[in-house]
Amino acid sequence: MDKKVFVGIIIFLMIPAFPLSIKAIATVYVDPPTTVTSVGDTFSVNITISNVIDLAGWEFKLYYLSSNLNGTNIVEGPFLGGSTYFDIINFTDNHNSTHGLAWVTCALLGPGPGVNGNGTLAVVTFNATHVGTSDLSLVDTWLSDSEPIPHIALSGIVYVLPHDVAITDLTLYKTIVGQGFLLPMNVTIENQGNFTETFDVTTYANDTIIETKTVTLENTTSTTLIFTWNTTGFAKGNYTISVNTTQVPFETDTDDNILIDGMVLVGVPCDVTGSTPGMPDGVCNMRDIGYMCIHFGTTPSSPNWDPNCDVTGPTPRTPDGLVNMRDIGEACSNFGNRGL
């Protein structure tokens, strides 16, 4: 190898590997790039500039889905400072059949250098009107000093998420209850939306309120509430049991805010077999005691479980239910009772 070539290679290899200095390109972008909001909320995005040198004027168009968002306000940001000409060329939710448009321009007034660095050009405010996703398409951007400034533009996106609570289950402990006795019921509710909600849950016997509970539920979670109907003062007869929730703000899916379970017979205490053709008004008799004796000792896990035989209902000692001597004794106490 030629000696000069060899020496040249050695010198090249000895040169420190310093990185080349690359000039950062100016960028104009939607900030934050992703917005998560809900129907009815008002939010703002910044149109931000970075790595710009000698900026004297700018312009942009921002398109958005008018089916999800309404534009409400645009103000100039502080980046250019000083004396400026700021003009909203067009700001409408009806640019076309699908999109709204924010079209804005701004320029420094008078002689002097432009502005360097990073900052906010404008602030655009929206109201979220419907659940869905909308791009914030930042296009036709223009940056200039005495000549156009090369740059890139980055759009944003908005997710308008729902408020939605639902009743998913209503389970009655039994279908026959004696006047003056208690009927427990389980109500399962679910927050199917994306925000923590506080709302009321109310159970009804026909149109009469049984009980109301206020619950706070985090998004995408569920819980089961225990309601108790005290049938004291209710006339004998069939009652439709239902439950509903109050509508949370900006909720649109309300069909699942009410659930109707079915009929409950309020009758003579311990008349667990109900009325018969021969005894249309009902009575507690040996037919009922015999039926309870057949089910004596049963629990919800028993194959022949009948919760109507557990006339005294669940207790702290038997929270899941049990037909025992308390129930037989209650039937004996009410033997021959035809109710009110």
C-alpha atoms as a PDB file:
ATOM      1  CA  MET A   1       0.000   0.000   0.000  1.00  0.00           C
ATOM      2  CA  ASP A   2       1.215   3.487  -0.802  1.00  0.00           C
ATOM      3  CA  LYS A   3       2.699   5.096   2.317  1.00  0.00           C
ATOM      4  CA  LYS A   4       0.752   8.351   1.827  1.00  0.00           C
ATOM      5  CA  VAL A   5      -2.509   6.452   1.506  1.00  0.00           C
ATOM      6  CA  PHE A   6      -1.772   4.431   4.617  1.00  0.00           C
ATOM      7  CA  VAL A   7      -0.972   7.566   6.653  1.00  0.00           C
ATOM      8  CA  GLY A   8      -4.155   9.222   5.388  1.00  0.00           C
ATOM      9  CA  ILE A   9      -6.268   6.301   6.591  1.00  0.00           C
ATOM     10  CA  ILE A  10      -4.651   6.395  10.033  1.00  0.00           C
ATOM     11  CA  ILE A  11      -5.292  10.144  10.353  1.00  0.00           C
ATOM     12  CA  PHE A  12      -8.935   9.662   9.303  1.00  0.00           C
ATOM     13  CA  LEU A  13      -9.465   6.962  11.916  1.00  0.00           C
ATOM     14  CA  MET A  14      -7.980   9.192  14.586  1.00  0.00           C
ATOM     15  CA  ILE A  15     -10.490  12.007  13.938  1.00  0.00           C
ATOM     16  CA  PRO A  16     -13.052  12.105  16.812  1.00  0.00           C
ATOM     17  CA  ALA A  17     -16.507  10.950  15.787  1.00  0.00           C
ATOM     18  CA  PHE A  18     -18.302  14.208  16.492  1.00  0.00           C
ATOM     19  CA  PRO A  19     -21.949  14.249  15.254  1.00  0.00           C
ATOM     20  CA  LEU A  20     -22.813  16.563  12.431  1.00  0.00           C
ATOM     21  CA  SER A  21     -24.958  19.523  13.396  1.00  0.00           C
ATOM     22  CA  ILE A  22     -28.369  19.170  11.800  1.00  0.00           C
ATOM     23  CA  LYS A  23     -30.667  22.176  11.740  1.00  0.00           C
ATOM     24  CA  ALA A  24     -34.014  21.304  13.298  1.00  0.00           C
ATOM     25  CA  ILE A  25     -36.958  21.888  10.997  1.00  0.00           C
ATOM     26  CA  ALA A  26     -39.778  24.119  12.137  1.00  0.00           C
ATOM     27  CA  THR A  27     -42.933  22.306  13.192  1.00  0.00           C
ATOM     28  CA  VAL A  28     -46.455  23.601  13.665  1.00  0.00           C
ATOM     29  CA  TYR A  29     -48.771  21.222  15.479  1.00  0.00           C
ATOM     30  CA  VAL A  30     -51.980  20.682  17.453  1.00  0.00           C
ATOM     31  CA  ASP A  31     -51.239  20.591  21.181  1.00  0.00           C
ATOM     32  CA  PRO A  32     -52.208  18.363  22.861  1.00  0.00           C
ATOM     33  CA  PRO A  33     -52.149  15.910  19.959  1.00  0.00           C
ATOM     34  CA  THR A  34     -54.837  13.777  21.638  1.00  0.00           C
ATOM     35  CA  THR A  35     -57.796  15.160  23.568  1.00  0.00           C
ATOM     36  CA  VAL A  36     -60.212  12.980  25.545  1.00  0.00           C
ATOM     37  CA  THR A  37     -63.452  14.655  26.534  1.00  0.00           C
ATOM     38  CA  SER A  38     -67.170  13.979  26.940  1.00  0.00           C
ATOM     39  CA  VAL A  39     -70.421  15.287  25.532  1.00  0.00           C
ATOM     40  CA  GLY A  40     -71.203  18.743  26.885  1.00  0.00           C
ATOM     41  CA  ASP A  41     -67.632  19.574  27.815  1.00  0.00           C
ATOM     42  CA  THR A  42     -65.725  22.598  26.508  1.00  0.00           C
ATOM     43  CA  PHE A  43     -62.033  22.206  25.714  1.00  0.00           C
ATOM     44  CA  SER A  44     -59.247  24.084  23.939  1.00  0.00           C
ATOM     45  CA  VAL A  45     -56.273  23.116  21.801  1.00  0.00           C
ATOM     46  CA  ASN A  46     -53.191  25.177  21.058  1.00  0.00           C
ATOM     47  CA  ILE A  47     -51.739  25.607  17.613  1.00  0.00           C
ATOM     48  CA  THR A  48     -48.075  25.533  18.572  1.00  0.00           C
ATOM     49  CA  ILE A  49     -44.817  26.300  16.762  1.00  0.00           C
ATOM     50  CA  SER A  50     -41.380  24.868  17.525  1.00  0.00           C
ATOM     51  CA  ASN A  51     -37.839  25.335  16.204  1.00  0.00           C
ATOM     52  CA  VAL A  52     -38.751  28.317  14.073  1.00  0.00           C
ATOM     53  CA  ILE A  53     -36.313  31.077  13.102  1.00  0.00           C
ATOM     54  CA  ASP A  54     -37.289  34.620  12.140  1.00  0.00           C
ATOM     55  CA  LEU A  55     -41.069  34.040  12.044  1.00  0.00           C
ATOM     56  CA  ALA A  56     -42.945  37.151  10.951  1.00  0.00           C
ATOM     57  CA  GLY A  57     -46.275  35.694   9.834  1.00  0.00           C
ATOM     58  CA  TRP A  58     -48.314  32.519   9.872  1.00  0.00           C
ATOM     59  CA  GLU A  59     -51.564  31.009   8.635  1.00  0.00           C
ATOM     60  CA  PHE A  60     -53.397  27.703   9.066  1.00  0.00           C
ATOM     61  CA  LYS A  61     -56.636  25.873   8.392  1.00  0.00           C
ATOM     62  CA  LEU A  62     -58.022  23.459  10.977  1.00  0.00           C
ATOM     63  CA  TYR A  63     -60.812  21.089   9.916  1.00  0.00           C
ATOM     64  CA  TYR A  64     -63.001  19.142  12.401  1.00  0.00           C
ATOM     65  CA  LEU A  65     -66.119  16.958  12.283  1.00  0.00           C
ATOM     66  CA  SER A  66     -69.140  19.144  12.921  1.00  0.00           C
ATOM     67  CA  SER A  67     -71.151  16.061  13.932  1.00  0.00           C
ATOM     68  CA  ASN A  68     -69.004  15.775  17.085  1.00  0.00           C
ATOM     69  CA  LEU A  69     -67.681  19.275  17.733  1.00  0.00           C
ATOM     70  CA  ASN A  70     -68.816  22.859  17.613  1.00  0.00           C
ATOM     71  CA  GLY A  71     -66.171  25.562  17.356  1.00  0.00           C
ATOM     72  CA  THR A  72     -66.775  28.354  19.851  1.00  0.00           C
ATOM     73  CA  ASN A  73     -63.742  30.672  19.980  1.00  0.00           C
ATOM     74  CA  ILE A  74     -60.303  31.483  18.545  1.00  0.00           C
ATOM     75  CA  VAL A  75     -57.759  33.822  20.119  1.00  0.00           C
ATOM     76  CA  GLU A  76     -54.207  34.747  19.157  1.00  0.00           C
ATOM     77  CA  GLY A  77     -51.433  33.115  21.157  1.00  0.00           C
ATOM     78  CA  PRO A  78     -48.531  35.097  22.666  1.00  0.00           C
ATOM     79  CA  PHE A  79     -45.715  33.829  20.429  1.00  0.00           C
ATOM     80  CA  LEU A  80     -45.330  36.707  17.979  1.00  0.00           C
ATOM     81  CA  GLY A  81     -45.897  39.319  20.669  1.00  0.00           C
ATOM     82  CA  GLY A  82     -45.670  43.023  19.915  1.00  0.00           C
ATOM     83  CA  SER A  83     -48.019  44.606  17.400  1.00  0.00           C
ATOM     84  CA  THR A  84     -49.718  42.107  15.100  1.00  0.00           C
ATOM     85  CA  TYR A  85     -52.445  41.838  12.514  1.00  0.00           C
ATOM     86  CA  PHE A  86     -54.656  38.890  13.598  1.00  0.00           C
ATOM     87  CA  ASP A  87     -57.559  37.838  11.389  1.00  0.00           C
ATOM     88  CA  ILE A  88     -60.075  35.011  11.592  1.00  0.00           C
ATOM     89  CA  ILE A  89     -60.702  34.488   7.898  1.00  0.00           C
ATOM     90  CA  ASN A  90     -63.408  31.865   8.435  1.00  0.00           C
ATOM     91  CA  PHE A  91     -64.702  30.071  11.518  1.00  0.00           C
ATOM     92  CA  THR A  92     -67.771  27.926  10.884  1.00  0.00           C
ATOM     93  CA  ASP A  93     -69.297  24.587  11.829  1.00  0.00           C
ATOM     94  CA  ASN A  94     -70.836  24.422   8.352  1.00  0.00           C
ATOM     95  CA  HIS A  95     -67.893  24.564   5.982  1.00  0.00           C
ATOM     96  CA  ASN A  96     -69.464  21.612   4.180  1.00  0.00           C
ATOM     97  CA  SER A  97     -71.891  18.787   4.977  1.00  0.00           C
ATOM     98  CA  THR A  98     -69.442  17.050   7.347  1.00  0.00           C
ATOM     99  CA  HIS A  99     -66.787  19.470   8.548  1.00  0.00           C
ATOM    100  CA  GLY A 100     -66.262  22.734  10.295  1.00  0.00           C
ATOM    101  CA  LEU A 101     -63.312  25.017   9.592  1.00  0.00           C
ATOM    102  CA  ALA A 102     -61.087  27.375  11.553  1.00  0.00           C
ATOM    103  CA  TRP A 103     -59.006  29.494   9.135  1.00  0.00           C
ATOM    104  CA  VAL A 104     -56.729  32.054  10.758  1.00  0.00           C
ATOM    105  CA  THR A 105     -53.822  34.291   9.794  1.00  0.00           C
ATOM    106  CA  CYS A 106     -51.486  36.590  11.690  1.00  0.00           C
ATOM    107  CA  ALA A 107     -48.481  38.826  10.922  1.00  0.00           C
ATOM    108  CA  LEU A 108     -46.106  41.157  12.746  1.00  0.00           C
ATOM    109  CA  LEU A 109     -46.594  44.840  11.956  1.00  0.00           C
ATOM    110  CA  GLY A 110     -43.774  47.233  11.248  1.00  0.00           C
ATOM    111  CA  PRO A 111     -40.072  46.687  10.512  1.00  0.00           C
ATOM    112  CA  GLY A 112     -37.779  44.459  12.512  1.00  0.00           C
ATOM    113  CA  PRO A 113     -36.710  40.853  12.857  1.00  0.00           C
ATOM    114  CA  GLY A 114     -39.051  37.900  13.237  1.00  0.00           C
ATOM    115  CA  VAL A 115     -39.385  35.687  16.306  1.00  0.00           C
ATOM    116  CA  ASN A 116     -37.350  32.587  17.080  1.00  0.00           C
ATOM    117  CA  GLY A 117     -38.072  29.491  19.150  1.00  0.00           C
ATOM    118  CA  ASN A 118     -41.199  27.777  20.409  1.00  0.00           C
ATOM    119  CA  GLY A 119     -44.642  28.981  21.487  1.00  0.00           C
ATOM    120  CA  THR A 120     -48.367  29.223  20.941  1.00  0.00           C
ATOM    121  CA  LEU A 121     -49.702  30.787  17.750  1.00  0.00           C
ATOM    122  CA  ALA A 122     -53.422  30.477  18.506  1.00  0.00           C
ATOM    123  CA  VAL A 123     -55.916  28.828  20.864  1.00  0.00           C
ATOM    124  CA  VAL A 124     -59.050  27.208  19.419  1.00  0.00           C
ATOM    125  CA  THR A 125     -61.955  26.299  21.710  1.00  0.00           C
ATOM    126  CA  PHE A 126     -64.618  23.667  21.027  1.00  0.00           C
ATOM    127  CA  ASN A 127     -67.728  22.230  22.613  1.00  0.00           C
ATOM    128  CA  ALA A 128     -68.154  18.452  22.391  1.00  0.00           C
ATOM    129  CA  THR A 129     -71.673  17.728  21.156  1.00  0.00           C
ATOM    130  CA  HIS A 130     -71.856  14.022  20.311  1.00  0.00           C
ATOM    131  CA  VAL A 131     -69.985  10.828  21.109  1.00  0.00           C
ATOM    132  CA  GLY A 132     -67.390   9.918  18.500  1.00  0.00           C
ATOM    133  CA  THR A 133     -63.935  10.656  17.143  1.00  0.00           C
ATOM    134  CA  SER A 134     -62.885  13.744  15.221  1.00  0.00           C
ATOM    135  CA  ASP A 135     -59.572  14.519  13.586  1.00  0.00           C
ATOM    136  CA  LEU A 136     -58.242  18.041  13.988  1.00  0.00           C
ATOM    137  CA  SER A 137     -56.715  18.276  10.535  1.00  0.00           C
ATOM    138  CA  LEU A 138     -54.080  21.006  10.399  1.00  0.00           C
ATOM    139  CA  VAL A 139     -53.543  21.838   6.713  1.00  0.00           C
ATOM    140  CA  ASP A 140     -52.550  24.657   4.362  1.00  0.00           C
ATOM    141  CA  THR A 141     -50.120  25.957   6.954  1.00  0.00           C
ATOM    142  CA  TRP A 142     -47.916  28.895   6.015  1.00  0.00           C
ATOM    143  CA  LEU A 143     -44.931  30.325   7.893  1.00  0.00           C
ATOM    144  CA  SER A 144     -42.944  33.273   6.618  1.00  0.00           C
ATOM    145  CA  ASP A 145     -40.262  35.845   7.270  1.00  0.00           C
ATOM    146  CA  SER A 146     -39.450  37.592   4.001  1.00  0.00           C
ATOM    147  CA  GLU A 147     -39.828  34.206   2.326  1.00  0.00           C
ATOM    148  CA  PRO A 148     -41.802  31.064   3.155  1.00  0.00           C
ATOM    149  CA  ILE A 149     -40.252  29.015   5.968  1.00  0.00           C
ATOM    150  CA  PRO A 150     -39.985  25.246   5.347  1.00  0.00           C
ATOM    151  CA  HIS A 151     -41.812  23.317   8.055  1.00  0.00           C
ATOM    152  CA  ILE A 152     -43.959  20.310   8.837  1.00  0.00           C
ATOM    153  CA  ALA A 153     -47.525  20.301  10.203  1.00  0.00           C
ATOM    154  CA  LEU A 154     -48.938  17.720  12.617  1.00  0.00           C
ATOM    155  CA  SER A 155     -52.673  17.235  13.143  1.00  0.00           C
ATOM    156  CA  GLY A 156     -54.516  16.143  16.304  1.00  0.00           C
ATOM    157  CA  ILE A 157     -57.455  13.958  17.300  1.00  0.00           C
ATOM    158  CA  VAL A 158     -60.369  14.289  19.730  1.00  0.00           C
ATOM    159  CA  TYR A 159     -62.208  11.412  21.405  1.00  0.00           C
ATOM    160  CA  VAL A 160     -65.660  12.356  22.690  1.00  0.00           C
ATOM    161  CA  LEU A 161     -66.545   9.592  25.124  1.00  0.00           C
ATOM    162  CA  PRO A 162     -69.960   8.736  26.584  1.00  0.00           C
ATOM    163  CA  HIS A 163     -71.606   9.094  29.965  1.00  0.00           C
ATOM    164  CA  ASP A 164     -73.703   5.960  30.406  1.00  0.00           C
ATOM    165  CA  VAL A 165     -75.063   4.079  33.415  1.00  0.00           C
ATOM    166  CA  ALA A 166     -77.222   0.974  33.184  1.00  0.00           C
ATOM    167  CA  ILE A 167     -79.212  -1.472  35.270  1.00  0.00           C
ATOM    168  CA  THR A 168     -78.125  -4.945  34.266  1.00  0.00           C
ATOM    169  CA  ASP A 169     -80.008  -7.147  36.736  1.00  0.00           C
ATOM    170  CA  LEU A 170     -82.864  -7.103  39.253  1.00  0.00           C
ATOM    171  CA  THR A 171     -83.232 -10.253  41.333  1.00  0.00           C
ATOM    172  CA  LEU A 172     -86.040 -10.688  43.855  1.00  0.00           C
ATOM    173  CA  TYR A 173     -85.504 -13.003  46.798  1.00  0.00           C
ATOM    174  CA  LYS A 174     -88.982 -14.474  46.385  1.00  0.00           C
ATOM    175  CA  THR A 175     -92.255 -14.016  44.528  1.00  0.00           C
ATOM    176  CA  ILE A 176     -94.669 -14.374  47.477  1.00  0.00           C
ATOM    177  CA  VAL A 177     -94.330 -12.259  50.606  1.00  0.00           C
ATOM    178  CA  GLY A 178     -96.659 -11.907  53.564  1.00  0.00           C
ATOM    179  CA  GLN A 179     -98.083  -8.541  54.532  1.00  0.00           C
ATOM    180  CA  GLY A 180     -95.732  -6.859  56.969  1.00  0.00           C
ATOM    181  CA  PHE A 181     -92.750  -9.012  55.990  1.00  0.00           C
ATOM    182  CA  LEU A 182     -89.576  -7.921  54.229  1.00  0.00           C
ATOM    183  CA  LEU A 183     -88.612  -8.713  50.662  1.00  0.00           C
ATOM    184  CA  PRO A 184     -84.908  -8.318  49.820  1.00  0.00           C
ATOM    185  CA  MET A 185     -83.890  -7.677  46.235  1.00  0.00           C
ATOM    186  CA  ASN A 186     -80.521  -7.306  44.508  1.00  0.00           C
ATOM    187  CA  VAL A 187     -79.957  -4.626  41.877  1.00  0.00           C
ATOM    188  CA  THR A 188     -76.833  -4.736  39.718  1.00  0.00           C
ATOM    189  CA  ILE A 189     -75.781  -1.478  38.102  1.00  0.00           C
ATOM    190  CA  GLU A 190     -72.937  -0.808  35.708  1.00  0.00           C
ATOM    191  CA  ASN A 191     -71.116   2.317  34.609  1.00  0.00           C
ATOM    192  CA  GLN A 192     -70.768   1.663  30.892  1.00  0.00           C
ATOM    193  CA  GLY A 193     -69.327   5.098  30.198  1.00  0.00           C
ATOM    194  CA  ASN A 194     -65.862   6.532  30.571  1.00  0.00           C
ATOM    195  CA  PHE A 195     -66.234   8.802  33.570  1.00  0.00           C
ATOM    196  CA  THR A 196     -66.920   8.373  37.276  1.00  0.00           C
ATOM    197  CA  GLU A 197     -70.631   9.004  37.902  1.00  0.00           C
ATOM    198  CA  THR A 198     -72.781   9.746  40.956  1.00  0.00           C
ATOM    199  CA  PHE A 199     -76.488   8.970  40.560  1.00  0.00           C
ATOM    200  CA  ASP A 200     -79.605   7.686  42.332  1.00  0.00           C
ATOM    201  CA  VAL A 201     -81.040   4.189  42.051  1.00  0.00           C
ATOM    202  CA  THR A 202     -84.698   3.780  43.027  1.00  0.00           C
ATOM    203  CA  THR A 203     -86.845   0.664  43.381  1.00  0.00           C
ATOM    204  CA  TYR A 204     -90.632   0.683  42.993  1.00  0.00           C
ATOM    205  CA  ALA A 205     -93.621  -1.492  43.804  1.00  0.00           C
ATOM    206  CA  ASN A 206     -96.019  -0.409  41.088  1.00  0.00           C
ATOM    207  CA  ASP A 207     -95.684   3.394  41.341  1.00  0.00           C
ATOM    208  CA  THR A 208     -94.733   3.498  45.025  1.00  0.00           C
ATOM    209  CA  ILE A 209     -91.096   4.097  45.896  1.00  0.00           C
ATOM    210  CA  ILE A 210     -89.564   1.292  47.923  1.00  0.00           C
ATOM    211  CA  GLU A 211     -86.118   2.755  48.514  1.00  0.00           C
ATOM    212  CA  THR A 212     -83.570   5.099  46.937  1.00  0.00           C
ATOM    213  CA  LYS A 213     -79.801   4.781  47.165  1.00  0.00           C
ATOM    214  CA  THR A 214     -77.132   7.168  45.911  1.00  0.00           C
ATOM    215  CA  VAL A 215     -74.095   5.518  44.401  1.00  0.00           C
ATOM    216  CA  THR A 216     -70.774   6.689  42.979  1.00  0.00           C
ATOM    217  CA  LEU A 217     -69.364   4.309  40.394  1.00  0.00           C
ATOM    218  CA  GLU A 218     -66.092   4.498  38.515  1.00  0.00           C
ATOM    219  CA  ASN A 219     -66.086   4.009  34.763  1.00  0.00           C
ATOM    220  CA  THR A 220     -66.403   0.444  33.404  1.00  0.00           C
ATOM    221  CA  THR A 221     -67.198  -0.993  36.850  1.00  0.00           C
ATOM    222  CA  SER A 222     -70.348  -2.507  38.342  1.00  0.00           C
ATOM    223  CA  THR A 223     -71.791  -3.124  41.775  1.00  0.00           C
ATOM    224  CA  THR A 224     -74.765  -4.890  43.337  1.00  0.00           C
ATOM    225  CA  LEU A 225     -77.011  -3.019  45.761  1.00  0.00           C
ATOM    226  CA  ILE A 226     -79.370  -4.667  48.253  1.00  0.00           C
ATOM    227  CA  PHE A 227     -82.815  -3.090  48.581  1.00  0.00           C
ATOM    228  CA  THR A 228     -85.444  -4.178  51.088  1.00  0.00           C
ATOM    229  CA  TRP A 229     -89.169  -3.767  50.607  1.00  0.00           C
ATOM    230  CA  ASN A 230     -91.106  -3.504  53.858  1.00  0.00           C
ATOM    231  CA  THR A 231     -94.607  -4.567  52.848  1.00  0.00           C
ATOM    232  CA  THR A 232     -96.241  -3.145  55.978  1.00  0.00           C
ATOM    233  CA  GLY A 233     -99.225  -1.053  54.895  1.00  0.00           C
ATOM    234  CA  PHE A 234     -99.440  -2.542  51.404  1.00  0.00           C
ATOM    235  CA  ALA A 235    -102.730  -4.133  50.411  1.00  0.00           C
ATOM    236  CA  LYS A 236    -102.863  -7.740  49.304  1.00  0.00           C
ATOM    237  CA  GLY A 237    -102.367  -8.217  45.600  1.00  0.00           C
ATOM    238  CA  ASN A 238     -99.836  -8.430  42.807  1.00  0.00           C
ATOM    239  CA  TYR A 239     -97.170  -5.740  42.488  1.00  0.00           C
ATOM    240  CA  THR A 240     -94.823  -5.010  39.616  1.00  0.00           C
ATOM    241  CA  ILE A 241     -91.282  -4.454  40.849  1.00  0.00           C
ATOM    242  CA  SER A 242     -89.047  -2.111  38.870  1.00  0.00           C
ATOM    243  CA  VAL A 243     -85.876  -0.117  39.313  1.00  0.00           C
ATOM    244  CA  ASN A 244     -84.521   2.958  37.569  1.00  0.00           C
ATOM    245  CA  THR A 245     -81.549   5.282  37.721  1.00  0.00           C
ATOM    246  CA  THR A 246     -81.427   9.011  37.327  1.00  0.00           C
ATOM    247  CA  GLN A 247     -80.016  10.138  33.998  1.00  0.00           C
ATOM    248  CA  VAL A 248     -76.437  11.320  34.388  1.00  0.00           C
ATOM    249  CA  PRO A 249     -75.491  14.586  32.646  1.00  0.00           C
ATOM    250  CA  PHE A 250     -75.228  14.317  28.862  1.00  0.00           C
ATOM    251  CA  GLU A 251     -76.275  10.652  28.862  1.00  0.00           C
ATOM    252  CA  THR A 252     -77.894   9.622  25.579  1.00  0.00           C
ATOM    253  CA  ASP A 253     -78.380   5.853  25.984  1.00  0.00           C
ATOM    254  CA  THR A 254     -81.212   5.825  28.534  1.00  0.00           C
ATOM    255  CA  ASP A 255     -83.127   2.692  27.499  1.00  0.00           C
ATOM    256  CA  ASP A 256     -81.156   0.653  30.037  1.00  0.00           C
ATOM    257  CA  ASN A 257     -81.823   3.088  32.896  1.00  0.00           C
ATOM    258  CA  ILE A 258     -84.966   1.169  33.840  1.00  0.00           C
ATOM    259  CA  LEU A 259     -85.597  -2.523  34.435  1.00  0.00           C
ATOM    260  CA  ILE A 260     -88.904  -4.235  35.247  1.00  0.00           C
ATOM    261  CA  ASP A 261     -88.589  -7.607  36.964  1.00  0.00           C
ATOM    262  CA  GLY A 262     -92.092  -8.990  37.218  1.00  0.00           C
ATOM    263  CA  MET A 263     -94.852  -9.728  39.722  1.00  0.00           C
ATOM    264  CA  VAL A 264     -94.686 -10.209  43.478  1.00  0.00           C
ATOM    265  CA  LEU A 265     -97.734 -11.376  45.412  1.00  0.00           C
ATOM    266  CA  VAL A 266     -98.294  -9.634  48.737  1.00  0.00           C
ATOM    267  CA  GLY A 267    -100.605 -11.966  50.586  1.00  0.00           C
ATOM    268  CA  VAL A 268    -101.524 -13.517  53.892  1.00  0.00           C
ATOM    269  CA  PRO A 269     -98.425 -14.081  56.022  1.00  0.00           C
ATOM    270  CA  CYS A 270     -97.113 -17.634  55.522  1.00  0.00           C
ATOM    271  CA  ASP A 271     -99.588 -18.408  52.718  1.00  0.00           C
ATOM    272  CA  VAL A 272     -96.670 -19.713  50.686  1.00  0.00           C
ATOM    273  CA  THR A 273     -98.837 -21.698  48.290  1.00  0.00           C
ATOM    274  CA  GLY A 274    -100.905 -18.653  47.345  1.00  0.00           C
ATOM    275  CA  SER A 275    -104.609 -18.406  46.643  1.00  0.00           C
ATOM    276  CA  THR A 276    -106.506 -21.442  45.394  1.00  0.00           C
ATOM    277  CA  PRO A 277    -109.878 -21.662  43.627  1.00  0.00           C
ATOM    278  CA  GLY A 278    -111.453 -22.831  46.884  1.00  0.00           C
ATOM    279  CA  MET A 279    -109.793 -20.081  48.905  1.00  0.00           C
ATOM    280  CA  PRO A 280    -109.523 -17.104  46.538  1.00  0.00           C
ATOM    281  CA  ASP A 281    -108.518 -14.662  49.272  1.00  0.00           C
ATOM    282  CA  GLY A 282    -105.747 -16.895  50.594  1.00  0.00           C
ATOM    283  CA  VAL A 283    -105.232 -18.357  54.029  1.00  0.00           C
ATOM    284  CA  CYS A 284    -102.387 -19.863  56.018  1.00  0.00           C
ATOM    285  CA  ASN A 285    -103.354 -23.486  56.621  1.00  0.00           C
ATOM    286  CA  MET A 286    -101.942 -26.987  56.825  1.00  0.00           C
ATOM    287  CA  ARG A 287    -101.363 -26.961  53.096  1.00  0.00           C
ATOM    288  CA  ASP A 288     -98.780 -24.244  53.637  1.00  0.00           C
ATOM    289  CA  ILE A 289     -97.230 -25.812  56.735  1.00  0.00           C
ATOM    290  CA  GLY A 290     -96.996 -29.136  54.945  1.00  0.00           C
ATOM    291  CA  TYR A 291     -95.349 -27.506  51.949  1.00  0.00           C
ATOM    292  CA  MET A 292     -92.832 -25.800  54.226  1.00  0.00           C
ATOM    293  CA  CYS A 293     -92.103 -29.077  56.011  1.00  0.00           C
ATOM    294  CA  ILE A 294     -91.277 -30.694  52.659  1.00  0.00           C
ATOM    295  CA  HIS A 295     -88.720 -27.937  52.106  1.00  0.00           C
ATOM    296  CA  PHE A 296     -87.426 -27.890  55.682  1.00  0.00           C
ATOM    297  CA  GLY A 297     -83.638 -27.492  55.854  1.00  0.00           C
ATOM    298  CA  THR A 298     -83.270 -26.428  52.232  1.00  0.00           C
ATOM    299  CA  THR A 299     -80.990 -23.608  51.105  1.00  0.00           C
ATOM    300  CA  PRO A 300     -80.491 -21.910  47.725  1.00  0.00           C
ATOM    301  CA  SER A 301     -78.080 -24.718  46.801  1.00  0.00           C
ATOM    302  CA  SER A 302     -80.727 -27.400  47.374  1.00  0.00           C
ATOM    303  CA  PRO A 303     -82.361 -28.894  44.266  1.00  0.00           C
ATOM    304  CA  ASN A 304     -85.854 -28.323  45.685  1.00  0.00           C
ATOM    305  CA  TRP A 305     -85.193 -24.839  47.066  1.00  0.00           C
ATOM    306  CA  ASP A 306     -88.228 -22.543  47.138  1.00  0.00           C
ATOM    307  CA  PRO A 307     -87.428 -19.124  48.619  1.00  0.00           C
ATOM    308  CA  ASN A 308     -91.119 -18.496  49.305  1.00  0.00           C
ATOM    309  CA  CYS A 309     -90.850 -21.043  52.149  1.00  0.00           C
ATOM    310  CA  ASP A 310     -88.217 -18.879  53.837  1.00  0.00           C
ATOM    311  CA  VAL A 311     -90.956 -16.585  55.100  1.00  0.00           C
ATOM    312  CA  THR A 312     -88.740 -14.832  57.649  1.00  0.00           C
ATOM    313  CA  GLY A 313     -86.155 -14.117  54.969  1.00  0.00           C
ATOM    314  CA  PRO A 314     -82.371 -14.083  55.137  1.00  0.00           C
ATOM    315  CA  THR A 315     -80.813 -13.324  58.531  1.00  0.00           C
ATOM    316  CA  PRO A 316     -77.278 -12.406  59.606  1.00  0.00           C
ATOM    317  CA  ARG A 317     -76.796 -16.056  60.582  1.00  0.00           C
ATOM    318  CA  THR A 318     -78.283 -17.349  57.314  1.00  0.00           C
ATOM    319  CA  PRO A 319     -77.606 -14.543  54.805  1.00  0.00           C
ATOM    320  CA  ASP A 320     -78.143 -16.849  51.828  1.00  0.00           C
ATOM    321  CA  GLY A 321     -81.441 -18.186  53.118  1.00  0.00           C
ATOM    322  CA  LEU A 322     -82.608 -21.292  54.996  1.00  0.00           C
ATOM    323  CA  VAL A 323     -86.006 -22.880  55.704  1.00  0.00           C
ATOM    324  CA  ASN A 324     -85.930 -23.706  59.411  1.00  0.00           C
ATOM    325  CA  MET A 325     -88.049 -23.750  62.555  1.00  0.00           C
ATOM    326  CA  ARG A 326     -88.295 -19.972  62.564  1.00  0.00           C
ATOM    327  CA  ASP A 327     -90.329 -20.270  59.373  1.00  0.00           C
ATOM    328  CA  ILE A 328     -92.438 -23.208  60.618  1.00  0.00           C
ATOM    329  CA  GLY A 329     -93.058 -21.340  63.881  1.00  0.00           C
ATOM    330  CA  GLU A 330     -94.144 -18.244  61.988  1.00  0.00           C
ATOM    331  CA  ALA A 331     -96.578 -20.337  59.964  1.00  0.00           C
ATOM    332  CA  CYS A 332     -98.003 -21.843  63.150  1.00  0.00           C
ATOM    333  CA  SER A 333     -98.457 -18.344  64.597  1.00  0.00           C
ATOM    334  CA  ASN A 334    -100.379 -17.295  61.499  1.00  0.00           C
ATOM    335  CA  PHE A 335    -102.391 -20.511  61.146  1.00  0.00           C
ATOM    336  CA  GLY A 336    -105.894 -19.663  59.934  1.00  0.00           C
ATOM    337  CA  ASN A 337    -104.893 -16.065  59.174  1.00  0.00           C
ATOM    338  CA  ARG A 338    -106.727 -14.618  56.196  1.00  0.00           C
ATOM    339  CA  GLY A 339    -104.955 -11.281  56.326  1.00  0.00           C
ATOM    340  CA  LEU A 340    -106.349  -7.767  56.373  1.00  0.00           C
END
